[in-house]
Structures are given as structure tokens and as C-alpha cells.
Amino acid sequence: MERYIWSINMDQKIRVKEIREYKINFDSEANVHFVTAHGYGFGKGITIFGPHTRDESVTFVNQMTSEQKKSDCGAALFEV
């Protein structure tokens, strides 16, 4: 079963198993944090979560990288 997650602007859907790392970025103008995904097949950072606080972003990354079922973390995941 393949799992996917949408970018925050809903213009790209990425296969979750291709994500190799998550990065929390700070936007100093808006004073908020965003999570970007980097991985195989898409390389560049794709924003998948935000704008939120740093704590919310850390919680999101922890949930995406934990052993619990991915859809329980509140991300926009789709199973095919």
C-alpha cells in the first residue's frame, strides 16, 4: 500500500517512502516555521507543513517518523 502526502499548496503529492529527511525552516518575516521534505526523486525541499510554531513543527516531524500509523498524525496522507 503506497502512502502519499500533499505539499501545503496542494500542487505536488509525494510518496512518503521516498522522503529521506525533514527540515524545519524559520520565516523571519512571518515569524513562523515550516517543514520541508527532501528525498529521492524530488530532491529539493517541498513544504509539507506550516505555518506553525517550532513546537508544532517538531511534533509533526516526530509523528511522521514514528512507528505509529502515519494517517493518525493529522497529515494529508492518501493510500492507494
PDB file of N, CA and C in Angstrom:
ATOM      1  N   MET A   1       0.840  -1.171   0.000  1.00  0.00           N
ATOM      2  CA  MET A   1       0.000   0.000   0.000  1.00  0.00           C
ATOM      3  C   MET A   1       0.892   1.243   0.000  1.00  0.00           C
ATOM      4  N   GLU A   2       0.762   2.072  -1.027  1.00  0.00           N
ATOM      5  CA  GLU A   2       1.547   3.311  -1.129  1.00  0.00           C
ATOM      6  C   GLU A   2       0.887   4.411  -0.297  1.00  0.00           C
ATOM      7  N   ARG A   3       1.714   5.238   0.331  1.00  0.00           N
ATOM      8  CA  ARG A   3       1.210   6.378   1.094  1.00  0.00           C
ATOM      9  C   ARG A   3       1.802   7.648   0.517  1.00  0.00           C
ATOM     10  N   TYR A   4       0.976   8.701   0.447  1.00  0.00           N
ATOM     11  CA  TYR A   4       1.388   9.968  -0.134  1.00  0.00           C
ATOM     12  C   TYR A   4       1.044  11.098   0.820  1.00  0.00           C
ATOM     13  N   ILE A   5       1.736  12.231   0.642  1.00  0.00           N
ATOM     14  CA  ILE A   5       1.421  13.448   1.384  1.00  0.00           C
ATOM     15  C   ILE A   5       1.460  14.615   0.398  1.00  0.00           C
ATOM     16  N   TRP A   6       0.510  15.533   0.531  1.00  0.00           N
ATOM     17  CA  TRP A   6       0.439  16.704  -0.332  1.00  0.00           C
ATOM     18  C   TRP A   6       1.370  17.799   0.177  1.00  0.00           C
ATOM     19  N   SER A   7       1.882  18.618  -0.746  1.00  0.00           N
ATOM     20  CA  SER A   7       2.562  19.855  -0.361  1.00  0.00           C
ATOM     21  C   SER A   7       1.482  20.788   0.196  1.00  0.00           C
ATOM     22  N   ILE A   8       1.882  21.825   0.935  1.00  0.00           N
ATOM     23  CA  ILE A   8       0.865  22.669   1.574  1.00  0.00           C
ATOM     24  C   ILE A   8       0.043  23.466   0.570  1.00  0.00           C
ATOM     25  N   ASN A   9       0.575  23.728  -0.618  1.00  0.00           N
ATOM     26  CA  ASN A   9      -0.217  24.449  -1.616  1.00  0.00           C
ATOM     27  C   ASN A   9      -0.952  23.497  -2.565  1.00  0.00           C
ATOM     28  N   MET A  10      -0.916  22.194  -2.253  1.00  0.00           N
ATOM     29  CA  MET A  10      -1.663  21.155  -2.962  1.00  0.00           C
ATOM     30  C   MET A  10      -1.305  21.065  -4.449  1.00  0.00           C
ATOM     31  N   ASP A  11      -0.046  21.357  -4.806  1.00  0.00           N
ATOM     32  CA  ASP A  11       0.354  21.239  -6.200  1.00  0.00           C
ATOM     33  C   ASP A  11       1.313  20.079  -6.447  1.00  0.00           C
ATOM     34  N   GLN A  12       1.672  19.361  -5.383  1.00  0.00           N
ATOM     35  CA  GLN A  12       2.553  18.210  -5.540  1.00  0.00           C
ATOM     36  C   GLN A  12       2.244  17.185  -4.457  1.00  0.00           C
ATOM     37  N   LYS A  13       2.179  15.930  -4.859  1.00  0.00           N
ATOM     38  CA  LYS A  13       1.932  14.836  -3.925  1.00  0.00           C
ATOM     39  C   LYS A  13       3.169  13.943  -3.955  1.00  0.00           C
ATOM     40  N   ILE A  14       3.743  13.665  -2.786  1.00  0.00           N
ATOM     41  CA  ILE A  14       4.981  12.889  -2.714  1.00  0.00           C
ATOM     42  C   ILE A  14       4.724  11.548  -2.042  1.00  0.00           C
ATOM     43  N   ARG A  15       5.437  10.558  -2.516  1.00  0.00           N
ATOM     44  CA  ARG A  15       5.377   9.229  -1.909  1.00  0.00           C
ATOM     45  C   ARG A  15       6.164   9.298  -0.602  1.00  0.00           C
ATOM     46  N   VAL A  16       5.519   8.963   0.506  1.00  0.00           N
ATOM     47  CA  VAL A  16       6.122   9.083   1.833  1.00  0.00           C
ATOM     48  C   VAL A  16       7.404   8.257   1.945  1.00  0.00           C
ATOM     49  N   LYS A  17       7.447   7.079   1.339  1.00  0.00           N
ATOM     50  CA  LYS A  17       8.643   6.242   1.473  1.00  0.00           C
ATOM     51  C   LYS A  17       9.855   6.825   0.743  1.00  0.00           C
ATOM     52  N   GLU A  18       9.654   7.841  -0.113  1.00  0.00           N
ATOM     53  CA  GLU A  18      10.772   8.481  -0.807  1.00  0.00           C
ATOM     54  C   GLU A  18      11.364   9.648  -0.030  1.00  0.00           C
ATOM     55  N   ILE A  19      10.719  10.031   1.059  1.00  0.00           N
ATOM     56  CA  ILE A  19      11.251  11.123   1.881  1.00  0.00           C
ATOM     57  C   ILE A  19      12.428  10.590   2.681  1.00  0.00           C
ATOM     58  N   ARG A  20      13.582  11.253   2.573  1.00  0.00           N
ATOM     59  CA  ARG A  20      14.763  10.806   3.310  1.00  0.00           C
ATOM     60  C   ARG A  20      15.045  11.682   4.522  1.00  0.00           C
ATOM     61  N   GLU A  21      14.571  12.930   4.499  1.00  0.00           N
ATOM     62  CA  GLU A  21      14.742  13.779   5.683  1.00  0.00           C
ATOM     63  C   GLU A  21      13.739  14.921   5.690  1.00  0.00           C
ATOM     64  N   TYR A  22      13.506  15.435   6.896  1.00  0.00           N
ATOM     65  CA  TYR A  22      12.624  16.572   7.112  1.00  0.00           C
ATOM     66  C   TYR A  22      13.471  17.716   7.657  1.00  0.00           C
ATOM     67  N   LYS A  23      13.128  18.938   7.279  1.00  0.00           N
ATOM     68  CA  LYS A  23      13.862  20.103   7.771  1.00  0.00           C
ATOM     69  C   LYS A  23      12.853  21.156   8.218  1.00  0.00           C
ATOM     70  N   ILE A  24      13.106  21.742   9.395  1.00  0.00           N
ATOM     71  CA  ILE A  24      12.255  22.814   9.905  1.00  0.00           C
ATOM     72  C   ILE A  24      12.916  24.134   9.534  1.00  0.00           C
ATOM     73  N   ASN A  25      12.185  24.964   8.804  1.00  0.00           N
ATOM     74  CA  ASN A  25      12.689  26.263   8.348  1.00  0.00           C
ATOM     75  C   ASN A  25      11.927  27.383   9.046  1.00  0.00           C
ATOM     76  N   PHE A  26      12.624  28.468   9.342  1.00  0.00           N
ATOM     77  CA  PHE A  26      12.022  29.618  10.019  1.00  0.00           C
ATOM     78  C   PHE A  26      11.859  30.762   9.028  1.00  0.00           C
ATOM     79  N   ASP A  27      10.656  31.324   8.959  1.00  0.00           N
ATOM     80  CA  ASP A  27      10.387  32.508   8.135  1.00  0.00           C
ATOM     81  C   ASP A  27      10.382  33.706   9.074  1.00  0.00           C
ATOM     82  N   SER A  28      11.462  34.502   9.026  1.00  0.00           N
ATOM     83  CA  SER A  28      11.623  35.609   9.970  1.00  0.00           C
ATOM     84  C   SER A  28      10.625  36.745   9.719  1.00  0.00           C
ATOM     85  N   GLU A  29      10.156  36.907   8.497  1.00  0.00           N
ATOM     86  CA  GLU A  29       9.182  37.966   8.209  1.00  0.00           C
ATOM     87  C   GLU A  29       7.829  37.647   8.828  1.00  0.00           C
ATOM     88  N   ALA A  30       7.408  36.400   8.736  1.00  0.00           N
ATOM     89  CA  ALA A  30       6.103  35.995   9.272  1.00  0.00           C
ATOM     90  C   ALA A  30       6.214  35.455  10.698  1.00  0.00           C
ATOM     91  N   ASN A  31       7.444  35.205  11.157  1.00  0.00           N
ATOM     92  CA  ASN A  31       7.709  34.681  12.494  1.00  0.00           C
ATOM     93  C   ASN A  31       7.022  33.324  12.720  1.00  0.00           C
ATOM     94  N   VAL A  32       7.127  32.441  11.717  1.00  0.00           N
ATOM     95  CA  VAL A  32       6.541  31.099  11.780  1.00  0.00           C
ATOM     96  C   VAL A  32       7.533  30.079  11.223  1.00  0.00           C
ATOM     97  N   HIS A  33       7.241  28.796  11.467  1.00  0.00           N
ATOM     98  CA  HIS A  33       8.086  27.696  10.999  1.00  0.00           C
ATOM     99  C   HIS A  33       7.331  26.856   9.968  1.00  0.00           C
ATOM    100  N   PHE A  34       8.077  26.285   9.033  1.00  0.00           N
ATOM    101  CA  PHE A  34       7.558  25.395   8.010  1.00  0.00           C
ATOM    102  C   PHE A  34       8.403  24.136   8.001  1.00  0.00           C
ATOM    103  N   VAL A  35       7.811  22.999   7.642  1.00  0.00           N
ATOM    104  CA  VAL A  35       8.555  21.750   7.500  1.00  0.00           C
ATOM    105  C   VAL A  35       8.671  21.443   6.016  1.00  0.00           C
ATOM    106  N   THR A  36       9.906  21.184   5.575  1.00  0.00           N
ATOM    107  CA  THR A  36      10.123  20.774   4.191  1.00  0.00           C
ATOM    108  C   THR A  36      10.615  19.336   4.172  1.00  0.00           C
ATOM    109  N   ALA A  37      10.251  18.636   3.103  1.00  0.00           N
ATOM    110  CA  ALA A  37      10.679  17.253   2.912  1.00  0.00           C
ATOM    111  C   ALA A  37      11.700  17.215   1.783  1.00  0.00           C
ATOM    112  N   HIS A  38      12.732  16.417   1.953  1.00  0.00           N
ATOM    113  CA  HIS A  38      13.752  16.213   0.940  1.00  0.00           C
ATOM    114  C   HIS A  38      13.833  14.712   0.693  1.00  0.00           C
ATOM    115  N   GLY A  39      14.027  14.317  -0.553  1.00  0.00           N
ATOM    116  CA  GLY A  39      14.060  12.886  -0.780  1.00  0.00           C
ATOM    117  C   GLY A  39      14.474  12.447  -2.155  1.00  0.00           C
ATOM    118  N   TYR A  40      14.266  11.179  -2.399  1.00  0.00           N
ATOM    119  CA  TYR A  40      14.624  10.534  -3.657  1.00  0.00           C
ATOM    120  C   TYR A  40      13.557  10.836  -4.698  1.00  0.00           C
ATOM    121  N   GLY A  41      13.987  11.264  -5.854  1.00  0.00           N
ATOM    122  CA  GLY A  41      13.050  11.526  -6.935  1.00  0.00           C
ATOM    123  C   GLY A  41      12.553  12.958  -6.993  1.00  0.00           C
ATOM    124  N   PHE A  42      12.671  13.704  -5.898  1.00  0.00           N
ATOM    125  CA  PHE A  42      12.262  15.107  -5.938  1.00  0.00           C
ATOM    126  C   PHE A  42      13.314  16.024  -5.339  1.00  0.00           C
ATOM    127  N   GLY A  43      14.286  15.504  -4.617  1.00  0.00           N
ATOM    128  CA  GLY A  43      15.471  16.221  -4.164  1.00  0.00           C
ATOM    129  C   GLY A  43      15.261  17.509  -3.408  1.00  0.00           C
ATOM    130  N   LYS A  44      14.780  18.540  -4.085  1.00  0.00           N
ATOM    131  CA  LYS A  44      14.638  19.845  -3.444  1.00  0.00           C
ATOM    132  C   LYS A  44      13.597  19.807  -2.338  1.00  0.00           C
ATOM    133  N   GLY A  45      13.662  20.763  -1.461  1.00  0.00           N
ATOM    134  CA  GLY A  45      12.710  20.810  -0.361  1.00  0.00           C
ATOM    135  C   GLY A  45      11.312  21.164  -0.819  1.00  0.00           C
ATOM    136  N   ILE A  46      10.353  20.378  -0.388  1.00  0.00           N
ATOM    137  CA  ILE A  46       8.948  20.634  -0.670  1.00  0.00           C
ATOM    138  C   ILE A  46       8.271  20.890   0.666  1.00  0.00           C
ATOM    139  N   THR A  47       7.629  22.041   0.785  1.00  0.00           N
ATOM    140  CA  THR A  47       6.973  22.397   2.036  1.00  0.00           C
ATOM    141  C   THR A  47       5.716  21.559   2.204  1.00  0.00           C
ATOM    142  N   ILE A  48       5.669  20.823   3.339  1.00  0.00           N
ATOM    143  CA  ILE A  48       4.542  19.921   3.580  1.00  0.00           C
ATOM    144  C   ILE A  48       3.765  20.261   4.848  1.00  0.00           C
ATOM    145  N   PHE A  49       4.262  21.217   5.646  1.00  0.00           N
ATOM    146  CA  PHE A  49       3.582  21.540   6.904  1.00  0.00           C
ATOM    147  C   PHE A  49       3.926  22.967   7.299  1.00  0.00           C
ATOM    148  N   GLY A  50       2.943  23.728   7.711  1.00  0.00           N
ATOM    149  CA  GLY A  50       3.173  25.080   8.181  1.00  0.00           C
ATOM    150  C   GLY A  50       2.036  25.975   7.730  1.00  0.00           C
ATOM    151  N   PRO A  51       2.026  27.199   8.111  1.00  0.00           N
ATOM    152  CA  PRO A  51       2.893  27.851   9.098  1.00  0.00           C
ATOM    153  C   PRO A  51       2.439  27.513  10.515  1.00  0.00           C
ATOM    154  N   HIS A  52       3.392  27.138  11.337  1.00  0.00           N
ATOM    155  CA  HIS A  52       3.121  26.771  12.722  1.00  0.00           C
ATOM    156  C   HIS A  52       4.283  27.197  13.615  1.00  0.00           C
ATOM    157  N   THR A  53       4.129  26.939  14.908  1.00  0.00           N
ATOM    158  CA  THR A  53       5.214  27.213  15.844  1.00  0.00           C
ATOM    159  C   THR A  53       6.286  26.139  15.701  1.00  0.00           C
ATOM    160  N   ARG A  54       7.438  26.372  16.292  1.00  0.00           N
ATOM    161  CA  ARG A  54       8.512  25.381  16.239  1.00  0.00           C
ATOM    162  C   ARG A  54       8.085  24.083  16.928  1.00  0.00           C
ATOM    163  N   ASP A  55       7.440  24.202  18.086  1.00  0.00           N
ATOM    164  CA  ASP A  55       6.992  23.006  18.807  1.00  0.00           C
ATOM    165  C   ASP A  55       6.015  22.178  17.982  1.00  0.00           C
ATOM    166  N   GLU A  56       5.076  22.822  17.301  1.00  0.00           N
ATOM    167  CA  GLU A  56       4.129  22.099  16.456  1.00  0.00           C
ATOM    168  C   GLU A  56       4.853  21.420  15.294  1.00  0.00           C
ATOM    169  N   SER A  57       5.861  22.084  14.741  1.00  0.00           N
ATOM    170  CA  SER A  57       6.635  21.517  13.641  1.00  0.00           C
ATOM    171  C   SER A  57       7.439  20.308  14.103  1.00  0.00           C
ATOM    172  N   VAL A  58       8.043  20.400  15.287  1.00  0.00           N
ATOM    173  CA  VAL A  58       8.799  19.268  15.837  1.00  0.00           C
ATOM    174  C   VAL A  58       7.863  18.089  16.090  1.00  0.00           C
ATOM    175  N   THR A  59       6.684  18.352  16.633  1.00  0.00           N
ATOM    176  CA  THR A  59       5.702  17.300  16.877  1.00  0.00           C
ATOM    177  C   THR A  59       5.298  16.634  15.562  1.00  0.00           C
ATOM    178  N   PHE A  60       5.079  17.423  14.524  1.00  0.00           N
ATOM    179  CA  PHE A  60       4.728  16.874  13.213  1.00  0.00           C
ATOM    180  C   PHE A  60       5.822  15.940  12.697  1.00  0.00           C
ATOM    181  N   VAL A  61       7.072  16.376  12.748  1.00  0.00           N
ATOM    182  CA  VAL A  61       8.182  15.548  12.270  1.00  0.00           C
ATOM    183  C   VAL A  61       8.282  14.272  13.102  1.00  0.00           C
ATOM    184  N   ASN A  62       8.145  14.394  14.416  1.00  0.00           N
ATOM    185  CA  ASN A  62       8.194  13.207  15.278  1.00  0.00           C
ATOM    186  C   ASN A  62       7.094  12.216  14.918  1.00  0.00           C
ATOM    187  N   GLN A  63       5.908  12.707  14.638  1.00  0.00           N
ATOM    188  CA  GLN A  63       4.797  11.830  14.274  1.00  0.00           C
ATOM    189  C   GLN A  63       5.015  11.183  12.910  1.00  0.00           C
ATOM    190  N   MET A  64       5.587  11.918  11.972  1.00  0.00           N
ATOM    191  CA  MET A  64       5.836  11.373  10.638  1.00  0.00           C
ATOM    192  C   MET A  64       6.949  10.325  10.650  1.00  0.00           C
ATOM    193  N   THR A  65       7.833  10.411  11.623  1.00  0.00           N
ATOM    194  CA  THR A  65       8.968   9.491  11.663  1.00  0.00           C
ATOM    195  C   THR A  65       8.831   8.425  12.743  1.00  0.00           C
ATOM    196  N   SER A  66       7.693   8.388  13.414  1.00  0.00           N
ATOM    197  CA  SER A  66       7.485   7.371  14.439  1.00  0.00           C
ATOM    198  C   SER A  66       6.930   6.103  13.806  1.00  0.00           C
ATOM    199  N   GLU A  67       6.795   5.077  14.614  1.00  0.00           N
ATOM    200  CA  GLU A  67       6.290   3.792  14.140  1.00  0.00           C
ATOM    201  C   GLU A  67       4.769   3.738  14.102  1.00  0.00           C
ATOM    202  N   GLN A  68       4.095   4.777  14.603  1.00  0.00           N
ATOM    203  CA  GLN A  68       2.641   4.748  14.584  1.00  0.00           C
ATOM    204  C   GLN A  68       2.123   4.947  13.163  1.00  0.00           C
ATOM    205  N   LYS A  69       0.897   4.572  12.941  1.00  0.00           N
ATOM    206  CA  LYS A  69       0.283   4.701  11.630  1.00  0.00           C
ATOM    207  C   LYS A  69       0.333   6.161  11.192  1.00  0.00           C
ATOM    208  N   LYS A  70       0.818   6.417  10.019  1.00  0.00           N
ATOM    209  CA  LYS A  70       1.040   7.780   9.548  1.00  0.00           C
ATOM    210  C   LYS A  70      -0.223   8.621   9.475  1.00  0.00           C
ATOM    211  N   SER A  71      -1.342   8.059   9.110  1.00  0.00           N
ATOM    212  CA  SER A  71      -2.554   8.842   8.966  1.00  0.00           C
ATOM    213  C   SER A  71      -3.072   9.383  10.303  1.00  0.00           C
ATOM    214  N   ASP A  72      -2.602   8.823  11.422  1.00  0.00           N
ATOM    215  CA  ASP A  72      -3.033   9.298  12.742  1.00  0.00           C
ATOM    216  C   ASP A  72      -2.374  10.605  13.136  1.00  0.00           C
ATOM    217  N   CYS A  73      -1.373  11.075  12.399  1.00  0.00           N
ATOM    218  CA  CYS A  73      -0.655  12.284  12.788  1.00  0.00           C
ATOM    219  C   CYS A  73      -1.338  13.546  12.282  1.00  0.00           C
ATOM    220  N   GLY A  74      -2.383  13.429  11.479  1.00  0.00           N
ATOM    221  CA  GLY A  74      -3.102  14.608  11.011  1.00  0.00           C
ATOM    222  C   GLY A  74      -2.602  15.121   9.688  1.00  0.00           C
ATOM    223  N   ALA A  75      -1.633  14.479   9.068  1.00  0.00           N
ATOM    224  CA  ALA A  75      -1.152  14.926   7.761  1.00  0.00           C
ATOM    225  C   ALA A  75      -2.119  14.473   6.665  1.00  0.00           C
ATOM    226  N   ALA A  76      -2.058  15.130   5.547  1.00  0.00           N
ATOM    227  CA  ALA A  76      -2.926  14.786   4.432  1.00  0.00           C
ATOM    228  C   ALA A  76      -2.346  13.617   3.656  1.00  0.00           C
ATOM    229  N   LEU A  77      -2.527  12.417   4.207  1.00  0.00           N
ATOM    230  CA  LEU A  77      -1.985  11.214   3.586  1.00  0.00           C
ATOM    231  C   LEU A  77      -3.080  10.491   2.827  1.00  0.00           C
ATOM    232  N   PHE A  78      -2.671   9.859   1.728  1.00  0.00           N
ATOM    233  CA  PHE A  78      -3.618   9.097   0.925  1.00  0.00           C
ATOM    234  C   PHE A  78      -3.037   7.727   0.662  1.00  0.00           C
ATOM    235  N   GLU A  79      -3.834   6.710   0.767  1.00  0.00           N
ATOM    236  CA  GLU A  79      -3.405   5.345   0.496  1.00  0.00           C
ATOM    237  C   GLU A  79      -3.999   4.904  -0.821  1.00  0.00           C
ATOM    238  N   VAL A  80      -3.185   4.249  -1.636  1.00  0.00           N
ATOM    239  CA  VAL A  80      -3.642   3.760  -2.947  1.00  0.00           C
ATOM    240  C   VAL A  80      -3.565   2.263  -2.958  1.00  0.00           C
TER     241      VAL A  80
END
